[in-house]
PDB file of all heavy atoms in Angstrom:
ATOM      1  N   GLY A   1      14.152  -8.520   6.882  1.00  0.00           N
ATOM      2  CA  GLY A   1      14.322  -7.323   7.706  1.00  0.00           C
ATOM      3  C   GLY A   1      13.922  -6.058   6.973  1.00  0.00           C
ATOM      4  O   GLY A   1      13.206  -5.197   7.516  1.00  0.00           O
ATOM      5  N   LYS A   2      14.357  -5.941   5.715  1.00  0.00           N
ATOM      6  CA  LYS A   2      13.984  -4.770   4.924  1.00  0.00           C
ATOM      7  C   LYS A   2      12.487  -4.756   4.638  1.00  0.00           C
ATOM      8  O   LYS A   2      11.859  -3.701   4.602  1.00  0.00           O
ATOM      9  CB  LYS A   2      14.784  -4.731   3.631  1.00  0.00           C
ATOM     10  CG  LYS A   2      16.243  -4.411   3.864  1.00  0.00           C
ATOM     11  CD  LYS A   2      17.012  -4.318   2.575  1.00  0.00           C
ATOM     12  CE  LYS A   2      18.485  -4.034   2.889  1.00  0.00           C
ATOM     13  NZ  LYS A   2      19.286  -3.946   1.668  1.00  0.00           N
ATOM     14  N   ALA A   3      11.910  -5.939   4.450  1.00  0.00           N
ATOM     15  CA  ALA A   3      10.468  -6.028   4.208  1.00  0.00           C
ATOM     16  C   ALA A   3       9.682  -5.479   5.390  1.00  0.00           C
ATOM     17  O   ALA A   3       8.718  -4.736   5.206  1.00  0.00           O
ATOM     18  CB  ALA A   3      10.073  -7.480   3.933  1.00  0.00           C
ATOM     19  N   LEU A   4      10.090  -5.830   6.597  1.00  0.00           N
ATOM     20  CA  LEU A   4       9.386  -5.343   7.782  1.00  0.00           C
ATOM     21  C   LEU A   4       9.459  -3.828   7.886  1.00  0.00           C
ATOM     22  O   LEU A   4       8.472  -3.180   8.265  1.00  0.00           O
ATOM     23  CB  LEU A   4       9.946  -6.001   9.039  1.00  0.00           C
ATOM     24  CG  LEU A   4       9.642  -7.499   9.174  1.00  0.00           C
ATOM     25  CD1 LEU A   4      10.395  -8.090  10.363  1.00  0.00           C
ATOM     26  CD2 LEU A   4       8.148  -7.737   9.305  1.00  0.00           C
ATOM     27  N   LYS A   5      10.593  -3.240   7.525  1.00  0.00           N
ATOM     28  CA  LYS A   5      10.720  -1.774   7.546  1.00  0.00           C
ATOM     29  C   LYS A   5       9.773  -1.130   6.532  1.00  0.00           C
ATOM     30  O   LYS A   5       9.109  -0.139   6.831  1.00  0.00           O
ATOM     31  CB  LYS A   5      12.157  -1.363   7.262  1.00  0.00           C
ATOM     32  CG  LYS A   5      13.098  -1.669   8.398  1.00  0.00           C
ATOM     33  CD  LYS A   5      14.518  -1.246   8.080  1.00  0.00           C
ATOM     34  CE  LYS A   5      15.457  -1.655   9.203  1.00  0.00           C
ATOM     35  NZ  LYS A   5      16.842  -1.339   8.924  1.00  0.00           N
ATOM     36  N   ILE A   6       9.720  -1.705   5.336  1.00  0.00           N
ATOM     37  CA  ILE A   6       8.835  -1.153   4.307  1.00  0.00           C
ATOM     38  C   ILE A   6       7.376  -1.298   4.726  1.00  0.00           C
ATOM     39  O   ILE A   6       6.566  -0.385   4.533  1.00  0.00           O
ATOM     40  CB  ILE A   6       9.094  -1.826   2.942  1.00  0.00           C
ATOM     41  CG1 ILE A   6      10.464  -1.405   2.418  1.00  0.00           C
ATOM     42  CG2 ILE A   6       7.993  -1.481   1.943  1.00  0.00           C
ATOM     43  CD1 ILE A   6      10.907  -2.131   1.169  1.00  0.00           C
ATOM     44  N   ILE A   7       7.031  -2.433   5.319  1.00  0.00           N
ATOM     45  CA  ILE A   7       5.648  -2.641   5.779  1.00  0.00           C
ATOM     46  C   ILE A   7       5.260  -1.584   6.804  1.00  0.00           C
ATOM     47  O   ILE A   7       4.170  -1.016   6.747  1.00  0.00           O
ATOM     48  CB  ILE A   7       5.473  -4.065   6.346  1.00  0.00           C
ATOM     49  CG1 ILE A   7       5.534  -5.085   5.217  1.00  0.00           C
ATOM     50  CG2 ILE A   7       4.160  -4.186   7.119  1.00  0.00           C
ATOM     51  CD1 ILE A   7       5.651  -6.522   5.673  1.00  0.00           C
ATOM     52  N   GLU A   8       6.158  -1.293   7.739  1.00  0.00           N
ATOM     53  CA  GLU A   8       5.875  -0.280   8.764  1.00  0.00           C
ATOM     54  C   GLU A   8       5.711   1.102   8.161  1.00  0.00           C
ATOM     55  O   GLU A   8       4.871   1.884   8.601  1.00  0.00           O
ATOM     56  CB  GLU A   8       6.994  -0.267   9.797  1.00  0.00           C
ATOM     57  CG  GLU A   8       7.028  -1.501  10.682  1.00  0.00           C
ATOM     58  CD  GLU A   8       8.229  -1.520  11.617  1.00  0.00           C
ATOM     59  OE1 GLU A   8       8.969  -0.509  11.682  1.00  0.00           O
ATOM     60  OE2 GLU A   8       8.445  -2.548  12.276  1.00  0.00           O
ATOM     61  N   GLU A   9       6.501   1.422   7.130  1.00  0.00           N
ATOM     62  CA  GLU A   9       6.472   2.754   6.527  1.00  0.00           C
ATOM     63  C   GLU A   9       5.362   2.929   5.491  1.00  0.00           C
ATOM     64  O   GLU A   9       4.722   3.968   5.435  1.00  0.00           O
ATOM     65  CB  GLU A   9       7.821   3.053   5.860  1.00  0.00           C
ATOM     66  CG  GLU A   9       8.969   3.167   6.835  1.00  0.00           C
ATOM     67  CD  GLU A   9      10.312   3.294   6.127  1.00  0.00           C
ATOM     68  OE1 GLU A   9      10.346   3.413   4.872  1.00  0.00           O
ATOM     69  OE2 GLU A   9      11.340   3.257   6.827  1.00  0.00           O
ATOM     70  N   LYS A  10       5.155   1.916   4.648  1.00  0.00           N
ATOM     71  CA  LYS A  10       4.276   2.067   3.477  1.00  0.00           C
ATOM     72  C   LYS A  10       2.914   1.396   3.611  1.00  0.00           C
ATOM     73  O   LYS A  10       2.007   1.702   2.835  1.00  0.00           O
ATOM     74  CB  LYS A  10       4.976   1.510   2.229  1.00  0.00           C
ATOM     75  CG  LYS A  10       6.338   2.112   1.952  1.00  0.00           C
ATOM     76  CD  LYS A  10       6.232   3.571   1.600  1.00  0.00           C
ATOM     77  CE  LYS A  10       7.606   4.126   1.233  1.00  0.00           C
ATOM     78  NZ  LYS A  10       7.560   5.542   0.895  1.00  0.00           N
ATOM     79  N   HIS A  11       2.755   0.442   4.513  1.00  0.00           N
ATOM     80  CA  HIS A  11       1.483  -0.254   4.734  1.00  0.00           C
ATOM     81  C   HIS A  11       0.892  -0.831   3.443  1.00  0.00           C
ATOM     82  O   HIS A  11      -0.213  -0.451   3.023  1.00  0.00           O
ATOM     83  CB  HIS A  11       0.465   0.672   5.399  1.00  0.00           C
ATOM     84  CG  HIS A  11       0.976   1.334   6.627  1.00  0.00           C
ATOM     85  ND1 HIS A  11       1.129   0.668   7.825  1.00  0.00           N
ATOM     86  CD2 HIS A  11       1.407   2.605   6.845  1.00  0.00           C
ATOM     87  CE1 HIS A  11       1.616   1.506   8.718  1.00  0.00           C
ATOM     88  NE2 HIS A  11       1.800   2.684   8.164  1.00  0.00           N
ATOM     89  N   PRO A  12       1.603  -1.758   2.796  1.00  0.00           N
ATOM     90  CA  PRO A  12       1.080  -2.335   1.546  1.00  0.00           C
ATOM     91  C   PRO A  12      -0.180  -3.160   1.802  1.00  0.00           C
ATOM     92  O   PRO A  12      -0.450  -3.581   2.931  1.00  0.00           O
ATOM     93  CB  PRO A  12       2.227  -3.227   1.063  1.00  0.00           C
ATOM     94  CG  PRO A  12       2.953  -3.601   2.314  1.00  0.00           C
ATOM     95  CD  PRO A  12       2.859  -2.384   3.199  1.00  0.00           C
ATOM     96  N   ASP A  13      -0.935  -3.392   0.737  1.00  0.00           N
ATOM     97  CA  ASP A  13      -2.173  -4.159   0.829  1.00  0.00           C
ATOM     98  C   ASP A  13      -1.944  -5.665   0.698  1.00  0.00           C
ATOM     99  O   ASP A  13      -2.791  -6.456   1.108  1.00  0.00           O
ATOM    100  CB  ASP A  13      -3.145  -3.697  -0.267  1.00  0.00           C
ATOM    101  CG  ASP A  13      -3.501  -2.234  -0.102  1.00  0.00           C
ATOM    102  OD1 ASP A  13      -4.174  -1.913   0.888  1.00  0.00           O
ATOM    103  OD2 ASP A  13      -3.086  -1.418  -0.949  1.00  0.00           O
ATOM    104  N   LEU A  14      -0.822  -6.046   0.109  1.00  0.00           N
ATOM    105  CA  LEU A  14      -0.506  -7.446  -0.135  1.00  0.00           C
ATOM    106  C   LEU A  14       1.007  -7.601  -0.149  1.00  0.00           C
ATOM    107  O   LEU A  14       1.721  -6.677  -0.556  1.00  0.00           O
ATOM    108  CB  LEU A  14      -1.079  -7.888  -1.487  1.00  0.00           C
ATOM    109  CG  LEU A  14      -0.757  -9.294  -1.979  1.00  0.00           C
ATOM    110  CD1 LEU A  14      -1.461 -10.344  -1.109  1.00  0.00           C
ATOM    111  CD2 LEU A  14      -1.157  -9.456  -3.440  1.00  0.00           C
ATOM    112  N   VAL A  15       1.494  -8.769   0.287  1.00  0.00           N
ATOM    113  CA  VAL A  15       2.926  -9.050   0.266  1.00  0.00           C
ATOM    114  C   VAL A  15       3.160 -10.342  -0.510  1.00  0.00           C
ATOM    115  O   VAL A  15       2.564 -11.370  -0.204  1.00  0.00           O
ATOM    116  CB  VAL A  15       3.507  -9.185   1.692  1.00  0.00           C
ATOM    117  CG1 VAL A  15       5.001  -9.431   1.635  1.00  0.00           C
ATOM    118  CG2 VAL A  15       3.202  -7.939   2.523  1.00  0.00           C
ATOM    119  N   LEU A  16       4.019 -10.266  -1.527  1.00  0.00           N
ATOM    120  CA  LEU A  16       4.470 -11.445  -2.252  1.00  0.00           C
ATOM    121  C   LEU A  16       5.841 -11.810  -1.693  1.00  0.00           C
ATOM    122  O   LEU A  16       6.752 -10.989  -1.719  1.00  0.00           O
ATOM    123  CB  LEU A  16       4.591 -11.161  -3.750  1.00  0.00           C
ATOM    124  CG  LEU A  16       3.313 -10.727  -4.470  1.00  0.00           C
ATOM    125  CD1 LEU A  16       3.606 -10.446  -5.940  1.00  0.00           C
ATOM    126  CD2 LEU A  16       2.234 -11.780  -4.344  1.00  0.00           C
ATOM    127  N   VAL A  17       5.995 -13.029  -1.195  1.00  0.00           N
ATOM    128  CA  VAL A  17       7.215 -13.406  -0.476  1.00  0.00           C
ATOM    129  C   VAL A  17       7.847 -14.646  -1.086  1.00  0.00           C
ATOM    130  O   VAL A  17       7.196 -15.686  -1.214  1.00  0.00           O
ATOM    131  CB  VAL A  17       6.910 -13.691   1.017  1.00  0.00           C
ATOM    132  CG1 VAL A  17       8.164 -14.101   1.757  1.00  0.00           C
ATOM    133  CG2 VAL A  17       6.275 -12.496   1.679  1.00  0.00           C
ATOM    134  N   ASP A  18       9.124 -14.532  -1.423  1.00  0.00           N
ATOM    135  CA  ASP A  18       9.911 -15.704  -1.805  1.00  0.00           C
ATOM    136  C   ASP A  18      10.181 -16.507  -0.535  1.00  0.00           C
ATOM    137  O   ASP A  18      10.422 -15.931   0.531  1.00  0.00           O
ATOM    138  CB  ASP A  18      11.227 -15.261  -2.444  1.00  0.00           C
ATOM    139  CG  ASP A  18      12.043 -16.407  -2.996  1.00  0.00           C
ATOM    140  OD1 ASP A  18      11.529 -17.540  -3.075  1.00  0.00           O
ATOM    141  OD2 ASP A  18      13.212 -16.175  -3.349  1.00  0.00           O
ATOM    142  N   ILE A  19      10.150 -17.809  -0.632  1.00  0.00           N
ATOM    143  CA  ILE A  19      10.359 -18.648   0.548  1.00  0.00           C
ATOM    144  C   ILE A  19      11.811 -18.590   1.027  1.00  0.00           C
ATOM    145  O   ILE A  19      12.072 -18.524   2.222  1.00  0.00           O
ATOM    146  CB  ILE A  19       9.931 -20.106   0.260  1.00  0.00           C
ATOM    147  CG1 ILE A  19       8.419 -20.155   0.076  1.00  0.00           C
ATOM    148  CG2 ILE A  19      10.355 -21.041   1.380  1.00  0.00           C
ATOM    149  CD1 ILE A  19       7.894 -21.493  -0.394  1.00  0.00           C
ATOM    150  N   VAL A  20      12.747 -18.589   0.085  1.00  0.00           N
ATOM    151  CA  VAL A  20      14.172 -18.577   0.439  1.00  0.00           C
ATOM    152  C   VAL A  20      14.684 -17.145   0.347  1.00  0.00           C
ATOM    153  O   VAL A  20      14.717 -16.553  -0.730  1.00  0.00           O
ATOM    154  CB  VAL A  20      14.982 -19.496  -0.502  1.00  0.00           C
ATOM    155  CG1 VAL A  20      16.452 -19.461  -0.130  1.00  0.00           C
ATOM    156  CG2 VAL A  20      14.447 -20.914  -0.457  1.00  0.00           C
ATOM    157  N   LEU A  21      15.063 -16.588   1.503  1.00  0.00           N
ATOM    158  CA  LEU A  21      15.588 -15.222   1.569  1.00  0.00           C
ATOM    159  C   LEU A  21      16.897 -15.219   2.337  1.00  0.00           C
ATOM    160  O   LEU A  21      17.091 -16.031   3.239  1.00  0.00           O
ATOM    161  CB  LEU A  21      14.596 -14.301   2.292  1.00  0.00           C
ATOM    162  CG  LEU A  21      13.251 -14.064   1.632  1.00  0.00           C
ATOM    163  CD1 LEU A  21      12.332 -13.301   2.577  1.00  0.00           C
ATOM    164  CD2 LEU A  21      13.420 -13.302   0.332  1.00  0.00           C
ATOM    165  N   PRO A  22      17.790 -14.290   2.021  1.00  0.00           N
ATOM    166  CA  PRO A  22      19.028 -14.192   2.789  1.00  0.00           C
ATOM    167  C   PRO A  22      18.773 -13.568   4.165  1.00  0.00           C
ATOM    168  O   PRO A  22      17.769 -12.883   4.370  1.00  0.00           O
ATOM    169  CB  PRO A  22      19.897 -13.267   1.933  1.00  0.00           C
ATOM    170  CG  PRO A  22      18.915 -12.407   1.202  1.00  0.00           C
ATOM    171  CD  PRO A  22      17.722 -13.294   0.960  1.00  0.00           C
ATOM    172  N   GLY A  23      19.658 -13.827   5.088  1.00  0.00           N
ATOM    173  CA  GLY A  23      19.553 -13.213   6.410  1.00  0.00           C
ATOM    174  C   GLY A  23      18.871 -14.116   7.416  1.00  0.00           C
ATOM    175  O   GLY A  23      18.659 -15.305   7.190  1.00  0.00           O
ATOM    176  N   LYS A  24      18.511 -13.528   8.533  1.00  0.00           N
ATOM    177  CA  LYS A  24      17.962 -14.280   9.660  1.00  0.00           C
ATOM    178  C   LYS A  24      16.503 -14.688   9.476  1.00  0.00           C
ATOM    179  O   LYS A  24      16.036 -15.626  10.103  1.00  0.00           O
ATOM    180  CB  LYS A  24      18.085 -13.454  10.945  1.00  0.00           C
ATOM    181  CG  LYS A  24      19.507 -13.182  11.349  1.00  0.00           C
ATOM    182  CD  LYS A  24      19.569 -12.348  12.608  1.00  0.00           C
ATOM    183  CE  LYS A  24      21.009 -12.064  12.999  1.00  0.00           C
ATOM    184  NZ  LYS A  24      21.104 -11.275  14.218  1.00  0.00           N
ATOM    185  N   ILE A  25      15.757 -13.962   8.637  1.00  0.00           N
ATOM    186  CA  ILE A  25      14.320 -14.213   8.483  1.00  0.00           C
ATOM    187  C   ILE A  25      14.054 -14.763   7.084  1.00  0.00           C
ATOM    188  O   ILE A  25      14.209 -14.045   6.098  1.00  0.00           O
ATOM    189  CB  ILE A  25      13.515 -12.909   8.697  1.00  0.00           C
ATOM    190  CG1 ILE A  25      13.815 -12.291  10.058  1.00  0.00           C
ATOM    191  CG2 ILE A  25      12.026 -13.172   8.541  1.00  0.00           C
ATOM    192  CD1 ILE A  25      13.198 -10.918  10.251  1.00  0.00           C
ATOM    193  N   ASN A  26      13.647 -16.041   6.995  1.00  0.00           N
ATOM    194  CA  ASN A  26      13.297 -16.568   5.680  1.00  0.00           C
ATOM    195  C   ASN A  26      11.840 -16.203   5.365  1.00  0.00           C
ATOM    196  O   ASN A  26      11.148 -15.587   6.177  1.00  0.00           O
ATOM    197  CB  ASN A  26      13.550 -18.083   5.591  1.00  0.00           C
ATOM    198  CG  ASN A  26      12.618 -18.905   6.457  1.00  0.00           C
ATOM    199  OD1 ASN A  26      11.480 -18.541   6.716  1.00  0.00           O
ATOM    200  ND2 ASN A  26      13.106 -20.047   6.918  1.00  0.00           N
ATOM    201  N   GLY A  27      11.369 -16.585   4.193  1.00  0.00           N
ATOM    202  CA  GLY A  27      10.030 -16.190   3.763  1.00  0.00           C
ATOM    203  C   GLY A  27       8.911 -16.724   4.632  1.00  0.00           C
ATOM    204  O   GLY A  27       7.931 -16.036   4.890  1.00  0.00           O
ATOM    205  N   ILE A  28       9.059 -17.961   5.100  1.00  0.00           N
ATOM    206  CA  ILE A  28       8.019 -18.551   5.942  1.00  0.00           C
ATOM    207  C   ILE A  28       7.963 -17.842   7.296  1.00  0.00           C
ATOM    208  O   ILE A  28       6.878 -17.518   7.791  1.00  0.00           O
ATOM    209  CB  ILE A  28       8.243 -20.065   6.098  1.00  0.00           C
ATOM    210  CG1 ILE A  28       8.064 -20.738   4.730  1.00  0.00           C
ATOM    211  CG2 ILE A  28       7.295 -20.663   7.130  1.00  0.00           C
ATOM    212  CD1 ILE A  28       8.478 -22.180   4.668  1.00  0.00           C
ATOM    213  N   GLU A  29       9.127 -17.581   7.874  1.00  0.00           N
ATOM    214  CA  GLU A  29       9.163 -16.842   9.148  1.00  0.00           C
ATOM    215  C   GLU A  29       8.589 -15.441   8.972  1.00  0.00           C
ATOM    216  O   GLU A  29       7.856 -14.948   9.836  1.00  0.00           O
ATOM    217  CB  GLU A  29      10.590 -16.775   9.671  1.00  0.00           C
ATOM    218  CG  GLU A  29      11.137 -18.125  10.105  1.00  0.00           C
ATOM    219  CD  GLU A  29      12.645 -18.111  10.316  1.00  0.00           C
ATOM    220  OE1 GLU A  29      13.337 -17.187   9.837  1.00  0.00           O
ATOM    221  OE2 GLU A  29      13.136 -19.052  10.954  1.00  0.00           O
ATOM    222  N   LEU A  30       8.923 -14.797   7.861  1.00  0.00           N
ATOM    223  CA  LEU A  30       8.398 -13.457   7.588  1.00  0.00           C
ATOM    224  C   LEU A  30       6.871 -13.486   7.510  1.00  0.00           C
ATOM    225  O   LEU A  30       6.197 -12.624   8.073  1.00  0.00           O
ATOM    226  CB  LEU A  30       8.989 -12.902   6.294  1.00  0.00           C
ATOM    227  CG  LEU A  30       8.478 -11.530   5.861  1.00  0.00           C
ATOM    228  CD1 LEU A  30       8.791 -10.466   6.906  1.00  0.00           C
ATOM    229  CD2 LEU A  30       9.071 -11.165   4.506  1.00  0.00           C
ATOM    230  N   ALA A  31       6.323 -14.483   6.849  1.00  0.00           N
ATOM    231  CA  ALA A  31       4.867 -14.591   6.744  1.00  0.00           C
ATOM    232  C   ALA A  31       4.222 -14.742   8.120  1.00  0.00           C
ATOM    233  O   ALA A  31       3.176 -14.143   8.389  1.00  0.00           O
ATOM    234  CB  ALA A  31       4.490 -15.771   5.854  1.00  0.00           C
ATOM    235  N   HIS A  32       4.843 -15.524   9.000  1.00  0.00           N
ATOM    236  CA  HIS A  32       4.316 -15.668  10.364  1.00  0.00           C
ATOM    237  C   HIS A  32       4.358 -14.332  11.116  1.00  0.00           C
ATOM    238  O   HIS A  32       3.398 -13.982  11.813  1.00  0.00           O
ATOM    239  CB  HIS A  32       5.106 -16.720  11.144  1.00  0.00           C
ATOM    240  CG  HIS A  32       4.786 -18.123  10.762  1.00  0.00           C
ATOM    241  ND1 HIS A  32       3.570 -18.724  11.009  1.00  0.00           N
ATOM    242  CD2 HIS A  32       5.535 -19.061  10.127  1.00  0.00           C
ATOM    243  CE1 HIS A  32       3.578 -19.950  10.551  1.00  0.00           C
ATOM    244  NE2 HIS A  32       4.770 -20.188  10.002  1.00  0.00           N
ATOM    245  N   ILE A  33       5.449 -13.601  10.971  1.00  0.00           N
ATOM    246  CA  ILE A  33       5.576 -12.298  11.638  1.00  0.00           C
ATOM    247  C   ILE A  33       4.493 -11.341  11.119  1.00  0.00           C
ATOM    248  O   ILE A  33       3.837 -10.651  11.899  1.00  0.00           O
ATOM    249  CB  ILE A  33       6.984 -11.701  11.424  1.00  0.00           C
ATOM    250  CG1 ILE A  33       8.029 -12.540  12.159  1.00  0.00           C
ATOM    251  CG2 ILE A  33       7.032 -10.242  11.875  1.00  0.00           C
ATOM    252  CD1 ILE A  33       9.471 -12.207  11.782  1.00  0.00           C
ATOM    253  N   ILE A  34       4.320 -11.309   9.803  1.00  0.00           N
ATOM    254  CA  ILE A  34       3.312 -10.425   9.212  1.00  0.00           C
ATOM    255  C   ILE A  34       1.924 -10.798   9.714  1.00  0.00           C
ATOM    256  O   ILE A  34       1.133  -9.926  10.088  1.00  0.00           O
ATOM    257  CB  ILE A  34       3.382 -10.475   7.675  1.00  0.00           C
ATOM    258  CG1 ILE A  34       4.693  -9.847   7.192  1.00  0.00           C
ATOM    259  CG2 ILE A  34       2.179  -9.774   7.050  1.00  0.00           C
ATOM    260  CD1 ILE A  34       4.982 -10.071   5.721  1.00  0.00           C
ATOM    261  N   LYS A  35       1.616 -12.088   9.733  1.00  0.00           N
ATOM    262  CA  LYS A  35       0.294 -12.545  10.197  1.00  0.00           C
ATOM    263  C   LYS A  35       0.063 -12.179  11.654  1.00  0.00           C
ATOM    264  O   LYS A  35      -1.013 -11.703  12.021  1.00  0.00           O
ATOM    265  CB  LYS A  35       0.169 -14.048  10.017  1.00  0.00           C
ATOM    266  CG  LYS A  35      -1.171 -14.586  10.442  1.00  0.00           C
ATOM    267  CD  LYS A  35      -1.225 -16.099  10.258  1.00  0.00           C
ATOM    268  CE  LYS A  35      -2.555 -16.645  10.689  1.00  0.00           C
ATOM    269  NZ  LYS A  35      -2.617 -16.990  12.091  1.00  0.00           N
ATOM    270  N   ASP A  36       1.069 -12.383  12.498  1.00  0.00           N
ATOM    271  CA  ASP A  36       0.924 -12.129  13.926  1.00  0.00           C
ATOM    272  C   ASP A  36       0.876 -10.645  14.272  1.00  0.00           C
ATOM    273  O   ASP A  36       0.122 -10.231  15.142  1.00  0.00           O
ATOM    274  CB  ASP A  36       2.063 -12.785  14.702  1.00  0.00           C
ATOM    275  CG  ASP A  36       2.000 -14.301  14.662  1.00  0.00           C
ATOM    276  OD1 ASP A  36       0.924 -14.849  14.359  1.00  0.00           O
ATOM    277  OD2 ASP A  36       3.037 -14.944  14.930  1.00  0.00           O
ATOM    278  N   ARG A  37       1.682  -9.832  13.599  1.00  0.00           N
ATOM    279  CA  ARG A  37       1.808  -8.420  13.968  1.00  0.00           C
ATOM    280  C   ARG A  37       0.917  -7.482  13.168  1.00  0.00           C
ATOM    281  O   ARG A  37       0.429  -6.496  13.697  1.00  0.00           O
ATOM    282  CB  ARG A  37       3.255  -7.957  13.774  1.00  0.00           C
ATOM    283  CG  ARG A  37       4.242  -8.564  14.712  1.00  0.00           C
ATOM    284  CD  ARG A  37       5.577  -7.917  14.488  1.00  0.00           C
ATOM    285  NE  ARG A  37       6.651  -8.655  15.143  1.00  0.00           N
ATOM    286  CZ  ARG A  37       7.924  -8.385  14.977  1.00  0.00           C
ATOM    287  NH1 ARG A  37       8.305  -7.400  14.186  1.00  0.00           N
ATOM    288  NH2 ARG A  37       8.845  -9.095  15.597  1.00  0.00           N
ATOM    289  N   ILE A  38       0.765  -7.762  11.884  1.00  0.00           N
ATOM    290  CA  ILE A  38       0.177  -6.759  11.004  1.00  0.00           C
ATOM    291  C   ILE A  38      -1.086  -7.251  10.314  1.00  0.00           C
ATOM    292  O   ILE A  38      -1.960  -6.482   9.990  1.00  0.00           O
ATOM    293  CB  ILE A  38       1.221  -6.310   9.955  1.00  0.00           C
ATOM    294  CG1 ILE A  38       2.512  -5.898  10.673  1.00  0.00           C
ATOM    295  CG2 ILE A  38       0.697  -5.163   9.112  1.00  0.00           C
ATOM    296  CD1 ILE A  38       3.747  -6.144   9.898  1.00  0.00           C
ATOM    297  N   ASN A  39      -1.174  -8.534  10.039  1.00  0.00           N
ATOM    298  CA  ASN A  39      -2.325  -9.150   9.390  1.00  0.00           C
ATOM    299  C   ASN A  39      -2.581  -8.610   7.987  1.00  0.00           C
ATOM    300  O   ASN A  39      -3.682  -8.185   7.652  1.00  0.00           O
ATOM    301  CB  ASN A  39      -3.579  -9.027  10.256  1.00  0.00           C
ATOM    302  CG  ASN A  39      -4.639 -10.037   9.851  1.00  0.00           C
ATOM    303  OD1 ASN A  39      -4.312 -11.079   9.296  1.00  0.00           O
ATOM    304  ND2 ASN A  39      -5.885  -9.718  10.122  1.00  0.00           N
ATOM    305  N   ILE A  40      -1.537  -8.629   7.163  1.00  0.00           N
ATOM    306  CA  ILE A  40      -1.640  -8.309   5.740  1.00  0.00           C
ATOM    307  C   ILE A  40      -1.599  -9.638   4.992  1.00  0.00           C
ATOM    308  O   ILE A  40      -0.814 -10.514   5.349  1.00  0.00           O
ATOM    309  CB  ILE A  40      -0.450  -7.421   5.284  1.00  0.00           C
ATOM    310  CG1 ILE A  40      -0.452  -6.086   6.010  1.00  0.00           C
ATOM    311  CG2 ILE A  40      -0.501  -7.198   3.773  1.00  0.00           C
ATOM    312  CD1 ILE A  40       0.791  -5.266   5.754  1.00  0.00           C
TER     313      ILE A  40
END
């Protein structure tokens, strides 16, 4: 969740993601969201 907020605000060029994350969105789900919405 925090990653998505930072992506919206800062627009990074690359994202390094741990597979196991706390909360509702794990690393694999986050990667799918990034690919579908932002394509980073």
